[in-house]
Amino acid sequence: MAIPNVKRYRITGPEGDSATIMAVLPKDADVNAYLTDAASRFDWKSHKEAKASVFKVRVGQQKQKKAK
Protein backbone atom coordinates (compact mmCIF):
# COMPACT_ATOMS: atom_id res chain seq x y z
CA MET A 1 0.00 0.00 0.00
CA ALA A 2 1.47 3.32 -1.06
CA ILE A 3 1.58 6.45 1.05
CA PRO A 4 -0.38 9.28 -0.60
CA ASN A 5 1.33 12.59 -1.48
CA VAL A 6 4.86 11.16 -1.29
CA LYS A 7 7.31 12.78 -3.65
CA ARG A 8 10.82 11.71 -4.55
CA TYR A 9 13.64 14.21 -4.31
CA ARG A 10 17.21 13.73 -5.50
CA ILE A 11 19.91 15.17 -3.26
CA THR A 12 23.58 15.59 -4.11
CA GLY A 13 26.41 15.02 -1.67
CA PRO A 14 29.63 16.96 -1.20
CA GLU A 15 31.63 14.58 -3.43
CA GLY A 16 29.08 14.52 -6.24
CA ASP A 17 27.24 11.42 -5.05
CA SER A 18 23.49 11.44 -5.42
CA ALA A 19 20.71 9.80 -3.45
CA THR A 20 16.94 9.77 -3.61
CA ILE A 21 14.81 10.58 -0.59
CA MET A 22 11.05 10.32 -0.29
CA ALA A 23 9.15 12.87 1.74
CA VAL A 24 5.71 14.35 2.36
CA LEU A 25 6.05 18.11 2.73
CA PRO A 26 3.37 20.59 3.83
CA LYS A 27 1.97 23.00 1.24
CA ASP A 28 3.79 26.07 2.54
CA ALA A 29 7.16 24.36 3.07
CA ASP A 30 10.31 25.66 1.41
CA VAL A 31 11.44 22.68 -0.66
CA ASN A 32 14.95 24.00 -1.38
CA ALA A 33 15.63 24.66 2.31
CA TYR A 34 14.39 21.18 3.20
CA LEU A 35 16.60 19.53 0.56
CA THR A 36 19.74 21.40 1.62
CA ASP A 37 19.08 20.47 5.26
CA ALA A 38 18.43 16.83 4.32
CA ALA A 39 21.61 16.67 2.23
CA SER A 40 23.68 18.05 5.09
CA ARG A 41 22.26 15.52 7.59
CA PHE A 42 22.39 12.54 5.21
CA ASP A 43 24.93 9.82 6.07
CA TRP A 44 26.91 9.83 2.82
CA LYS A 45 29.63 7.50 4.12
CA SER A 46 27.28 4.61 4.88
CA HIS A 47 25.37 5.26 1.64
CA LYS A 48 28.58 4.94 -0.35
CA GLU A 49 29.56 1.74 1.51
CA ALA A 50 26.12 0.21 0.92
CA LYS A 51 26.32 0.97 -2.80
CA ALA A 52 29.80 -0.54 -3.01
CA SER A 53 28.76 -3.76 -1.25
CA VAL A 54 25.90 -4.32 -3.71
CA PHE A 55 28.10 -4.20 -6.79
CA LYS A 56 30.82 -6.59 -5.65
CA VAL A 57 31.30 -9.27 -8.28
CA ARG A 58 32.51 -12.71 -7.40
CA VAL A 59 35.19 -13.65 -9.90
CA GLY A 60 35.83 -17.33 -9.34
CA GLN A 61 34.81 -20.19 -7.17
CA GLN A 62 37.37 -21.70 -4.85
CA LYS A 63 37.62 -25.42 -4.31
CA GLN A 64 36.76 -26.68 -0.88
CA LYS A 65 39.18 -29.05 0.79
CA LYS A 66 37.65 -32.31 1.93
CA ALA A 67 38.14 -33.05 5.59
CA LYS A 68 39.41 -36.55 6.29
C-alpha atoms as a PDB file:
ATOM      1  CA  MET A   1       0.000   0.000   0.000  1.00  0.00           C
ATOM      2  CA  ALA A   2       1.467   3.322  -1.062  1.00  0.00           C
ATOM      3  CA  ILE A   3       1.578   6.455   1.054  1.00  0.00           C
ATOM      4  CA  PRO A   4      -0.377   9.280  -0.604  1.00  0.00           C
ATOM      5  CA  ASN A   5       1.334  12.586  -1.481  1.00  0.00           C
ATOM      6  CA  VAL A   6       4.860  11.157  -1.288  1.00  0.00           C
ATOM      7  CA  LYS A   7       7.311  12.780  -3.650  1.00  0.00           C
ATOM      8  CA  ARG A   8      10.818  11.708  -4.548  1.00  0.00           C
ATOM      9  CA  TYR A   9      13.636  14.214  -4.313  1.00  0.00           C
ATOM     10  CA  ARG A  10      17.208  13.727  -5.497  1.00  0.00           C
ATOM     11  CA  ILE A  11      19.914  15.174  -3.262  1.00  0.00           C
ATOM     12  CA  THR A  12      23.584  15.586  -4.106  1.00  0.00           C
ATOM     13  CA  GLY A  13      26.407  15.020  -1.672  1.00  0.00           C
ATOM     14  CA  PRO A  14      29.629  16.958  -1.199  1.00  0.00           C
ATOM     15  CA  GLU A  15      31.629  14.582  -3.429  1.00  0.00           C
ATOM     16  CA  GLY A  16      29.076  14.518  -6.238  1.00  0.00           C
ATOM     17  CA  ASP A  17      27.238  11.417  -5.048  1.00  0.00           C
ATOM     18  CA  SER A  18      23.486  11.441  -5.423  1.00  0.00           C
ATOM     19  CA  ALA A  19      20.705   9.798  -3.446  1.00  0.00           C
ATOM     20  CA  THR A  20      16.940   9.766  -3.609  1.00  0.00           C
ATOM     21  CA  ILE A  21      14.813  10.580  -0.593  1.00  0.00           C
ATOM     22  CA  MET A  22      11.054  10.323  -0.291  1.00  0.00           C
ATOM     23  CA  ALA A  23       9.146  12.874   1.743  1.00  0.00           C
ATOM     24  CA  VAL A  24       5.714  14.354   2.363  1.00  0.00           C
ATOM     25  CA  LEU A  25       6.053  18.113   2.735  1.00  0.00           C
ATOM     26  CA  PRO A  26       3.366  20.585   3.829  1.00  0.00           C
ATOM     27  CA  LYS A  27       1.965  22.997   1.245  1.00  0.00           C
ATOM     28  CA  ASP A  28       3.793  26.074   2.535  1.00  0.00           C
ATOM     29  CA  ALA A  29       7.158  24.359   3.073  1.00  0.00           C
ATOM     30  CA  ASP A  30      10.309  25.657   1.409  1.00  0.00           C
ATOM     31  CA  VAL A  31      11.439  22.676  -0.664  1.00  0.00           C
ATOM     32  CA  ASN A  32      14.945  23.998  -1.383  1.00  0.00           C
ATOM     33  CA  ALA A  33      15.628  24.662   2.307  1.00  0.00           C
ATOM     34  CA  TYR A  34      14.395  21.176   3.195  1.00  0.00           C
ATOM     35  CA  LEU A  35      16.596  19.528   0.560  1.00  0.00           C
ATOM     36  CA  THR A  36      19.739  21.403   1.621  1.00  0.00           C
ATOM     37  CA  ASP A  37      19.076  20.467   5.258  1.00  0.00           C
ATOM     38  CA  ALA A  38      18.430  16.828   4.321  1.00  0.00           C
ATOM     39  CA  ALA A  39      21.610  16.670   2.228  1.00  0.00           C
ATOM     40  CA  SER A  40      23.677  18.053   5.093  1.00  0.00           C
ATOM     41  CA  ARG A  41      22.261  15.522   7.591  1.00  0.00           C
ATOM     42  CA  PHE A  42      22.387  12.537   5.210  1.00  0.00           C
ATOM     43  CA  ASP A  43      24.927   9.823   6.072  1.00  0.00           C
ATOM     44  CA  TRP A  44      26.914   9.833   2.823  1.00  0.00           C
ATOM     45  CA  LYS A  45      29.630   7.501   4.125  1.00  0.00           C
ATOM     46  CA  SER A  46      27.283   4.610   4.883  1.00  0.00           C
ATOM     47  CA  HIS A  47      25.365   5.261   1.642  1.00  0.00           C
ATOM     48  CA  LYS A  48      28.585   4.941  -0.350  1.00  0.00           C
ATOM     49  CA  GLU A  49      29.562   1.736   1.512  1.00  0.00           C
ATOM     50  CA  ALA A  50      26.125   0.206   0.916  1.00  0.00           C
ATOM     51  CA  LYS A  51      26.317   0.974  -2.796  1.00  0.00           C
ATOM     52  CA  ALA A  52      29.803  -0.543  -3.007  1.00  0.00           C
ATOM     53  CA  SER A  53      28.762  -3.764  -1.254  1.00  0.00           C
ATOM     54  CA  VAL A  54      25.905  -4.316  -3.711  1.00  0.00           C
ATOM     55  CA  PHE A  55      28.100  -4.201  -6.795  1.00  0.00           C
ATOM     56  CA  LYS A  56      30.818  -6.592  -5.648  1.00  0.00           C
ATOM     57  CA  VAL A  57      31.296  -9.265  -8.278  1.00  0.00           C
ATOM     58  CA  ARG A  58      32.512 -12.714  -7.405  1.00  0.00           C
ATOM     59  CA  VAL A  59      35.193 -13.651  -9.905  1.00  0.00           C
ATOM     60  CA  GLY A  60      35.833 -17.331  -9.341  1.00  0.00           C
ATOM     61  CA  GLN A  61      34.811 -20.191  -7.168  1.00  0.00           C
ATOM     62  CA  GLN A  62      37.367 -21.697  -4.848  1.00  0.00           C
ATOM     63  CA  LYS A  63      37.616 -25.418  -4.311  1.00  0.00           C
ATOM     64  CA  GLN A  64      36.761 -26.682  -0.885  1.00  0.00           C
ATOM     65  CA  LYS A  65      39.184 -29.045   0.793  1.00  0.00           C
ATOM     66  CA  LYS A  66      37.649 -32.309   1.928  1.00  0.00           C
ATOM     67  CA  ALA A  67      38.136 -33.053   5.594  1.00  0.00           C
ATOM     68  CA  LYS A  68      39.412 -36.550   6.289  1.00  0.00           C
END
